[in-house]
Protein backbone atom coordinates (compact mmCIF):
# COMPACT_ATOMS: atom_id res chain seq x y z
CA MET A 1 0.05 0.08 -0.01
CA LYS A 2 1.51 3.33 -1.05
CA ARG A 3 1.51 6.42 1.15
CA GLN A 4 0.56 9.84 -0.41
CA GLY A 5 1.64 13.25 0.50
CA PHE A 6 -0.79 15.98 1.73
CA ILE A 7 -1.39 17.48 -1.81
CA LYS A 8 -1.92 14.09 -3.61
CA GLY A 9 -4.00 12.69 -0.74
CA SER A 10 -6.25 15.97 -0.85
CA ALA A 11 -6.42 15.72 -4.63
CA ILE A 12 -7.63 12.21 -4.33
CA LEU A 13 -10.44 12.95 -1.81
CA LEU A 14 -11.49 16.15 -3.75
CA ALA A 15 -11.93 13.96 -6.92
CA MET A 16 -13.92 11.46 -4.82
CA VAL A 17 -16.16 14.24 -3.51
CA LEU A 18 -16.98 15.61 -6.88
CA ILE A 19 -17.88 12.00 -8.43
CA THR A 20 -19.93 11.10 -5.36
CA LYS A 21 -21.87 14.41 -5.69
CA ILE A 22 -22.59 13.91 -9.32
CA LEU A 23 -23.70 10.27 -8.64
CA GLY A 24 -25.80 11.45 -5.71
CA LEU A 25 -27.66 13.97 -8.05
CA LEU A 26 -28.44 11.19 -10.36
CA TYR A 27 -29.85 9.06 -7.71
CA LYS A 28 -31.84 11.76 -5.75
CA ILE A 29 -33.46 13.48 -8.71
CA PRO A 30 -35.31 10.47 -10.31
CA LEU A 31 -36.04 9.00 -6.79
CA THR A 32 -37.79 12.25 -5.79
CA ASN A 33 -39.58 12.25 -9.28
CA LEU A 34 -40.68 8.48 -8.45
CA LEU A 35 -41.59 8.96 -4.87
CA GLY A 36 -43.27 12.45 -4.90
CA GLY A 37 -43.49 14.45 -1.52
CA THR A 38 -45.25 11.77 0.34
CA GLY A 39 -42.86 8.88 -0.67
CA MET A 40 -39.83 11.19 0.14
CA GLY A 41 -41.51 11.82 3.51
CA TYR A 42 -41.12 8.10 4.42
CA PHE A 43 -37.60 8.18 3.10
CA ALA A 44 -36.68 11.39 4.94
CA SER A 45 -38.29 10.26 8.22
CA ALA A 46 -36.33 7.02 8.26
CA PHE A 47 -32.97 8.85 7.91
CA SER A 48 -34.07 11.46 10.60
CA VAL A 49 -34.29 8.40 13.18
CA PHE A 50 -31.19 6.84 11.61
CA THR A 51 -28.88 9.88 11.44
CA PRO A 52 -28.64 10.38 15.16
CA VAL A 53 -27.84 6.62 15.79
CA PHE A 54 -25.20 6.74 12.91
CA ALA A 55 -23.69 9.99 14.53
CA ILE A 56 -23.29 8.13 17.92
CA VAL A 57 -21.90 4.96 16.56
CA VAL A 58 -20.06 5.80 13.58
CA SER A 59 -19.22 9.43 13.25
CA GLY A 60 -16.00 9.53 15.42
CA ILE A 61 -14.41 6.29 14.14
CA PRO A 62 -12.49 7.51 11.15
CA SER A 63 -10.91 10.59 12.79
CA THR A 64 -9.96 8.35 15.92
CA MET A 65 -8.57 5.45 13.87
CA ALA A 66 -6.54 7.94 11.66
CA ARG A 67 -5.21 9.83 14.59
CA LEU A 68 -4.11 6.66 16.73
CA THR A 69 -2.68 5.05 13.56
CA ALA A 70 -0.54 8.13 12.58
CA GLU A 71 0.50 8.49 16.11
CA ASN A 72 1.78 4.91 16.52
CA TYR A 73 3.42 5.02 13.08
CA ALA A 74 5.25 8.22 14.06
CA LEU A 75 6.32 6.41 17.26
CA GLU A 76 7.38 3.44 15.49
CA ARG A 77 5.06 1.23 17.43
CA PHE A 78 4.17 -0.73 14.51
CA SER A 79 2.66 -3.66 16.39
CA ASN A 80 0.45 -1.55 18.24
CA ILE A 81 -0.95 -0.09 15.01
CA ARG A 82 -2.21 -3.62 14.03
CA HIS A 83 -3.34 -4.20 17.62
CA THR A 84 -5.49 -0.90 17.80
CA LYS A 85 -7.20 -1.91 14.49
CA ARG A 86 -7.98 -5.36 15.81
CA THR A 87 -9.46 -3.80 18.98
CA ALA A 88 -11.33 -1.25 17.04
CA PHE A 89 -12.86 -3.79 14.43
CA PHE A 90 -13.93 -6.05 17.25
CA LEU A 91 -15.33 -3.31 19.65
CA PHE A 92 -16.94 -1.22 17.14
CA THR A 93 -18.45 -4.01 15.26
CA ILE A 94 -20.21 -5.33 18.46
CA ILE A 95 -21.57 -1.79 19.30
CA SER A 96 -22.88 -1.17 15.73
CA ALA A 97 -24.47 -4.74 15.68
CA ALA A 98 -26.09 -3.93 18.92
CA ALA A 99 -27.44 -0.69 17.63
CA ALA A 100 -28.86 -2.14 14.33
CA ALA A 101 -30.50 -4.85 16.20
CA VAL A 102 -32.05 -2.49 18.58
CA MET A 103 -33.23 -0.28 15.65
CA ILE A 104 -34.86 -3.17 13.75
CA LEU A 105 -36.62 -4.51 17.00
CA THR A 106 -38.07 -1.14 17.82
CA SER A 107 -38.79 -0.03 14.36
CA ASP A 108 -42.60 -0.48 14.89
CA PHE A 109 -42.36 1.59 18.14
CA LEU A 110 -40.12 4.32 16.63
CA SER A 111 -42.27 4.63 13.55
CA ARG A 112 -45.66 4.95 15.67
CA ASN A 113 -44.32 7.14 18.52
CA VAL A 114 -41.28 9.01 17.11
CA VAL A 115 -42.05 9.54 13.47
CA GLY A 116 -45.80 9.32 13.80
CA GLU A 117 -46.31 7.08 10.71
CA PRO A 118 -46.33 3.40 11.12
CA SER A 119 -45.47 2.72 7.62
CA THR A 120 -42.31 4.12 8.05
CA LYS A 121 -41.03 0.86 9.95
CA TYR A 122 -40.10 -0.72 6.56
CA ALA A 123 -37.76 1.76 5.70
CA LEU A 124 -36.26 1.86 9.23
CA MET A 125 -35.70 -1.87 9.14
CA CYS A 126 -34.07 -1.57 5.68
CA VAL A 127 -31.66 1.20 6.70
CA ALA A 128 -30.58 -0.43 10.15
CA PRO A 129 -28.01 -2.97 8.90
CA SER A 130 -26.09 -0.19 6.97
CA ILE A 131 -25.00 1.02 10.53
CA ILE A 132 -22.75 -2.22 10.66
CA PHE A 133 -21.23 -1.93 7.12
CA CYS A 134 -20.44 1.72 7.57
CA THR A 135 -18.60 1.03 10.92
CA ILE A 136 -16.52 -1.56 9.31
CA MET A 137 -15.70 0.73 6.61
CA SER A 138 -14.93 3.46 8.92
CA VAL A 139 -12.33 1.48 10.71
CA GLU A 140 -10.77 0.43 7.60
CA ARG A 141 -10.88 3.88 5.96
CA GLY A 142 -9.34 5.64 9.23
CA TYR A 143 -6.71 3.05 9.45
CA CYS A 144 -5.63 3.85 5.83
CA GLU A 145 -5.93 7.55 6.31
CA GLY A 146 -3.65 7.23 9.41
CA LEU A 147 -1.15 5.43 6.96
CA GLN A 148 -1.46 8.27 4.42
CA ASN A 149 -3.42 6.25 1.96
CA MET A 150 -6.58 8.00 0.67
CA ILE A 151 -7.16 5.61 -2.17
CA PRO A 152 -9.31 3.00 -0.27
CA THR A 153 -11.57 5.84 1.29
CA ALA A 154 -12.12 7.36 -2.29
CA VAL A 155 -12.66 4.16 -4.14
CA SER A 156 -14.93 2.69 -1.46
CA GLU A 157 -16.97 6.02 -1.44
CA VAL A 158 -17.42 5.89 -5.08
CA ILE A 159 -18.42 2.25 -5.20
CA GLU A 160 -20.91 2.84 -2.41
CA THR A 161 -22.52 5.82 -4.23
CA LEU A 162 -22.33 4.13 -7.52
CA PHE A 163 -24.15 1.00 -6.21
CA LYS A 164 -26.50 3.13 -4.36
CA LEU A 165 -27.61 4.67 -7.71
CA ILE A 166 -27.93 1.33 -9.42
CA LEU A 167 -29.53 -0.67 -6.61
CA GLY A 168 -31.56 2.09 -4.90
CA LEU A 169 -33.23 3.22 -8.24
CA GLY A 170 -33.34 -0.38 -9.62
CA PHE A 171 -34.99 -1.86 -6.47
CA ALA A 172 -37.60 1.31 -6.32
CA TYR A 173 -38.54 1.02 -9.98
CA GLY A 174 -38.68 -2.76 -9.85
CA LEU A 175 -40.89 -2.99 -6.91
CA MET A 176 -43.23 -0.22 -8.44
CA TYR A 177 -43.63 -2.39 -11.61
CA HIS A 178 -44.10 -5.43 -9.50
CA ILE A 179 -46.76 -3.80 -7.34
CA SER A 180 -48.52 -2.25 -10.15
CA ASP A 181 -48.62 -5.66 -11.80
CA MET A 182 -49.90 -7.27 -8.75
CA TYR A 183 -52.73 -4.80 -8.50
CA ASP A 184 -53.63 -5.16 -12.01
CA LYS A 185 -54.01 -9.04 -11.45
CA THR A 186 -55.52 -9.19 -7.92
CA GLY A 187 -56.71 -5.66 -7.00
CA MET A 188 -54.55 -6.01 -3.97
CA ILE A 189 -51.09 -5.14 -2.76
CA PHE A 190 -49.44 -7.63 -0.42
CA GLY A 191 -52.91 -9.08 0.63
CA THR A 192 -54.71 -5.66 1.29
CA ALA A 193 -57.38 -4.87 -1.46
CA TYR A 194 -57.96 -1.20 -2.52
CA GLU A 195 -60.69 0.30 -4.26
CA ASN A 196 -58.80 2.02 -6.95
CA SER A 197 -55.27 2.60 -8.36
CA ARG A 198 -54.84 6.05 -6.61
CA GLN A 199 -55.25 4.35 -3.21
CA ALA A 200 -53.12 1.47 -4.28
CA ALA A 201 -50.23 3.97 -5.50
CA SER A 202 -50.49 5.73 -2.07
CA ALA A 203 -50.22 2.51 -0.26
CA ALA A 204 -47.32 1.48 -2.21
CA LEU A 205 -45.15 4.36 -1.36
CA PRO A 206 -43.80 3.15 1.97
CA PHE A 207 -42.67 -0.10 0.27
CA ILE A 208 -41.00 1.63 -2.56
CA ALA A 209 -39.14 4.09 -0.29
CA ALA A 210 -38.02 0.96 1.75
CA ALA A 211 -36.87 -0.72 -1.44
CA ALA A 212 -34.76 2.22 -2.32
CA ILE A 213 -33.18 2.41 1.13
CA LEU A 214 -32.53 -1.24 1.02
CA GLY A 215 -30.56 -0.68 -2.18
CA SER A 216 -28.46 1.78 -0.43
CA SER A 217 -27.80 -0.61 2.63
CA ILE A 218 -26.78 -3.47 0.03
CA ALA A 219 -24.37 -0.72 -1.65
CA SER A 220 -22.86 -0.05 1.67
CA ALA A 221 -22.32 -3.74 2.05
CA ILE A 222 -20.60 -4.03 -1.38
CA ALA A 223 -18.21 -1.01 -0.70
CA CYS A 224 -17.48 -2.61 2.85
CA LEU A 225 -16.76 -6.06 1.02
CA TYR A 226 -14.46 -4.19 -1.45
CA ILE A 227 -12.36 -2.24 1.31
CA LEU A 228 -11.90 -5.61 3.24
CA ILE A 229 -10.78 -7.63 0.30
CA SER A 230 -8.64 -4.68 -1.13
CA GLY A 231 -6.88 -4.55 2.40
CA LYS A 232 -6.05 -8.30 2.38
CA ILE A 233 -4.63 -8.14 -1.08
CA LYS A 234 -2.71 -4.99 -1.16
CA GLY A 235 -1.72 -5.11 2.46
CA ASP A 236 -0.44 -1.88 4.27
CA SER A 237 2.80 -0.01 4.59
CA VAL A 238 3.54 -2.17 7.85
CA THR A 239 6.03 -4.64 6.91
CA LYS A 240 7.11 -7.99 8.77
CA GLN A 241 10.44 -6.16 9.34
CA MET A 242 8.80 -3.40 11.06
CA LEU A 243 6.55 -5.61 13.17
CA GLN A 244 9.60 -7.70 14.38
CA ARG A 245 11.22 -4.65 15.51
CA ASP A 246 8.57 -3.60 17.71
CA THR A 247 6.65 -6.44 19.47
CA ILE A 248 5.10 -4.47 22.38
CA THR A 249 1.41 -3.77 22.34
CA ASP A 250 -0.86 -1.75 24.78
CA PRO A 251 -3.41 -3.83 26.83
CA THR A 252 -6.70 -4.39 25.01
CA GLY A 253 -8.69 -2.85 27.70
CA ALA A 254 -6.45 0.37 27.57
CA THR A 255 -6.74 0.47 23.80
CA ALA A 256 -10.47 0.09 23.95
CA LYS A 257 -10.79 2.81 26.53
CA LYS A 258 -8.58 5.27 24.43
CA LEU A 259 -10.76 4.45 21.38
CA VAL A 260 -14.03 5.36 23.09
CA VAL A 261 -12.50 8.46 24.79
CA CYS A 262 -11.18 9.77 21.50
CA CYS A 263 -14.67 8.94 19.59
CA LEU A 264 -17.03 10.27 22.36
CA PRO A 265 -16.38 14.07 21.86
CA ILE A 266 -16.89 13.70 18.14
CA ALA A 267 -19.83 11.63 18.42
CA LEU A 268 -21.56 14.16 20.76
CA ILE A 269 -20.82 17.06 18.56
CA SER A 270 -22.29 15.04 15.51
CA VAL A 271 -25.49 14.12 17.54
CA ILE A 272 -25.97 17.89 18.52
CA MET A 273 -25.75 18.70 14.86
CA THR A 274 -28.63 16.28 14.04
CA PHE A 275 -30.95 17.67 16.93
CA ALA A 276 -32.54 20.14 14.55
CA ASN A 277 -34.22 17.61 12.36
CA MET A 278 -34.94 15.47 15.24
CA ILE A 279 -36.75 18.33 17.11
CA ASP A 280 -38.69 19.11 13.93
CA MET A 281 -39.65 15.34 13.63
CA LEU A 282 -40.76 15.26 17.25
CA THR A 283 -42.61 18.55 17.30
CA VAL A 284 -43.81 19.63 13.88
CA ASN A 285 -45.57 16.43 12.63
CA PRO A 286 -47.43 15.86 15.92
CA CYS A 287 -48.52 19.42 16.04
CA ILE A 288 -49.84 19.32 12.34
CA LYS A 289 -51.80 16.12 13.25
CA THR A 290 -53.32 17.62 16.18
CA ALA A 291 -54.09 20.84 14.30
CA MET A 292 -55.72 18.66 11.41
CA LYS A 293 -58.03 16.66 13.83
CA ALA A 294 -58.92 19.76 15.71
CA SER A 295 -60.19 21.59 12.44
CA PRO A 296 -60.08 19.10 9.39
CA HIS A 297 -62.47 21.19 7.30
CA THR A 298 -59.95 24.09 7.40
CA PHE A 299 -57.02 21.85 6.31
CA ASP A 300 -59.20 20.18 3.42
CA SER A 301 -59.93 23.63 2.02
CA LEU A 302 -56.28 24.54 2.21
CA LEU A 303 -54.77 21.45 0.77
CA SER A 304 -57.50 20.90 -1.78
CA ASP A 305 -55.87 22.88 -4.48
CA LYS A 306 -52.25 21.51 -3.66
CA LEU A 307 -52.89 17.62 -3.60
CA GLU A 308 -51.16 15.64 -6.52
CA VAL A 309 -53.06 12.91 -7.93
CA VAL A 310 -51.10 9.84 -8.72
CA GLY A 311 -51.69 6.38 -10.12
CA PHE A 312 -50.31 3.34 -11.95
CA ARG A 313 -50.36 3.53 -15.80
CA ARG A 314 -49.06 0.95 -18.19
CA PHE A 315 -49.63 1.07 -21.96
CA GLU A 316 -49.06 -2.07 -24.17
CA MET A 317 -49.83 -2.89 -27.78
CA LYS A 318 -50.53 -6.74 -28.09
CA GLN A 319 -51.67 -9.20 -30.58
CA THR A 320 -55.04 -11.32 -29.87
CA LYS A 321 -55.95 -14.72 -30.90
CA GLU A 322 -58.93 -13.35 -33.13
CA LEU A 323 -58.14 -12.91 -36.75
CA ALA A 324 -58.97 -10.13 -39.15
CA GLY A 325 -60.25 -10.68 -42.51
CA ASN A 326 -56.76 -10.60 -43.91
CA GLY A 327 -55.81 -13.67 -41.71
CA LYS A 328 -53.76 -11.69 -39.43
CA PRO A 329 -54.45 -11.15 -35.72
CA TYR A 330 -56.01 -8.07 -34.41
CA THR A 331 -53.70 -5.70 -32.35
CA VAL A 332 -55.27 -4.10 -29.21
CA PHE A 333 -54.40 -1.24 -27.02
CA LEU A 334 -54.12 -2.23 -23.34
CA VAL A 335 -54.09 0.18 -20.42
CA ASN A 336 -53.08 -1.41 -17.06
CA GLY A 337 -53.89 -4.90 -18.71
CA GLN A 338 -57.31 -3.97 -20.27
CA PRO A 339 -58.29 -3.35 -23.77
CA VAL A 340 -59.41 -0.11 -24.71
CA LYS A 341 -61.18 1.14 -27.75
CA PHE A 342 -60.80 4.75 -28.50
CA LYS A 343 -63.66 6.91 -29.44
CA GLY A 344 -62.24 10.37 -29.73
CA VAL A 345 -62.51 13.91 -31.04
CA ASN A 346 -60.05 16.72 -31.93
CA ILE A 347 -60.01 19.71 -29.84
CA HIS A 348 -58.78 23.35 -30.32
CA GLU A 349 -58.65 26.19 -27.70
CA HIS A 350 -61.36 28.38 -29.33
CA ASN A 351 -64.09 30.42 -27.78
CA PRO A 352 -66.33 32.87 -30.06
CA GLU A 353 -66.14 35.48 -27.29
CA THR A 354 -62.89 35.13 -25.55
CA GLY A 355 -60.70 33.76 -28.51
CA HIS A 356 -58.02 31.26 -27.50
CA TYR A 357 -58.84 31.51 -23.89
CA VAL A 358 -61.26 28.89 -22.89
CA PRO A 359 -62.77 29.40 -19.37
CA VAL A 360 -63.29 26.35 -17.12
CA GLU A 361 -66.82 26.47 -17.22
CA LEU A 362 -66.85 26.05 -21.10
CA MET A 363 -64.27 23.17 -20.77
CA ARG A 364 -66.74 21.31 -18.32
CA LYS A 365 -69.50 21.86 -20.84
CA ASP A 366 -67.46 20.32 -23.67
CA PHE A 367 -66.56 17.39 -21.44
CA GLU A 368 -70.08 16.67 -20.36
CA LEU A 369 -71.20 16.81 -24.03
CA MET A 370 -68.57 14.36 -24.92
CA LYS A 371 -69.54 11.84 -22.10
CA LYS A 372 -73.19 12.06 -23.28
CA HIS A 373 -71.89 10.72 -26.66
CA ASN A 374 -69.71 8.19 -25.41
CA ILE A 375 -66.64 9.87 -26.19
CA ASN A 376 -63.70 8.64 -24.29
CA SER A 377 -60.62 10.45 -25.62
CA VAL A 378 -59.43 13.75 -27.07
CA ARG A 379 -56.58 14.67 -29.39
CA LEU A 380 -54.84 17.93 -28.80
CA CYS A 381 -54.19 19.60 -32.15
CA HIS A 382 -50.50 20.59 -32.15
CA TYR A 383 -50.07 22.36 -28.86
CA PRO A 384 -50.48 21.62 -25.00
CA GLN A 385 -53.56 22.78 -22.94
CA ASP A 386 -53.97 24.57 -19.69
CA ARG A 387 -53.24 22.49 -16.73
CA LYS A 388 -56.84 22.57 -15.65
CA PHE A 389 -57.70 20.83 -19.00
CA TYR A 390 -55.73 17.71 -18.11
CA GLU A 391 -57.09 17.65 -14.52
CA LEU A 392 -60.71 17.64 -15.89
CA CYS A 393 -59.79 14.87 -18.23
CA ASP A 394 -58.79 12.86 -15.24
CA GLU A 395 -62.01 13.85 -13.44
CA TYR A 396 -64.20 12.89 -16.32
CA GLY A 397 -62.33 9.91 -17.36
CA LEU A 398 -60.98 10.99 -20.87
CA TYR A 399 -57.62 9.58 -22.47
CA VAL A 400 -55.58 12.47 -23.95
CA TYR A 401 -53.45 12.21 -27.20
CA ASP A 402 -51.11 14.89 -27.09
CA GLU A 403 -49.65 15.40 -30.61
CA ALA A 404 -46.36 16.99 -31.60
CA ASN A 405 -46.55 19.86 -34.13
CA ILE A 406 -44.46 17.92 -36.69
CA GLU A 407 -46.89 17.62 -39.68
CA SER A 408 -45.01 15.17 -41.52
CA HIS A 409 -47.91 13.49 -43.25
């Protein structure tokens, strides 16, 4: 394992930060679009509980390991370097495993009494194991940094972020399509029946958020596996000759005590920095729920114009077994697995009194006239309509064909 100077080590870490920030954007933006505000609420609430636990268990480890490793190396206490690493690995792995187990076992309690949303327990259970993987990585990263080697830290961070992008989004989209298919076939999601696709889509959000978090936890496990294997294969800068020159090590108890004493101040500072989000979660959400229960009509009127309507939708073109007059099978258009025959009209924004401005009242009259004549779809002629038009199409049950103004016929 090669040691780097200050400038080179800083450059490696800077490059790592730039790469992980770009990958983080590529992960967060599609995930936000997929989950929406409600789904990201489940996602963020799980991390609001996870972050203080992570801060207590993990945050102080890299700096402590780097400091003690560098100190022992400078004093040429090479055997004590390895001894400190083994002690830290054993001590912090036990602590992190206990923290993860407690978090999993109390996930139902935390989701109900701390977050205030029972469905958050799935995300909490999926994020808890990452405490163990991050702890092991922190020991290895701090050890390598103390030996002036920033490459394992940089590479493992990039691997973790890359696989979080791949697995997090992959699991989230995969589960979304699986749930959509499940609902199309059975009208249920994981054994619970729902009246319509909107209810089903809303009920699916906690599971999809948990799937994204599970992908992140597996990404941490992969990065952890990399840094362990890499360390075994490439070794470190402590040679056999160095170990033979110095065979004296501190007592295990004293080493463990020193590790805890060094980690504790950093952990406390990190926990204090997370208090703002924790206080918001513990106070704002319960206050909003209390206010909504006390005056539900007020909140209904405030939120009625802000709510986003979501649902599952899948379009397919499939051939049937029935044959046409030319001997070829008919091709049908399926929406969520159901065949649809379009009976539609063209529409232009036009009003004899207001020109190209069409008021909502006239839109409703047009839609009611269409429904009376069994029209189920409209084709927009060359340009998009007002947002209210699409909302009314959803309300009246009309398919919309938005044609681009290409005119290539």
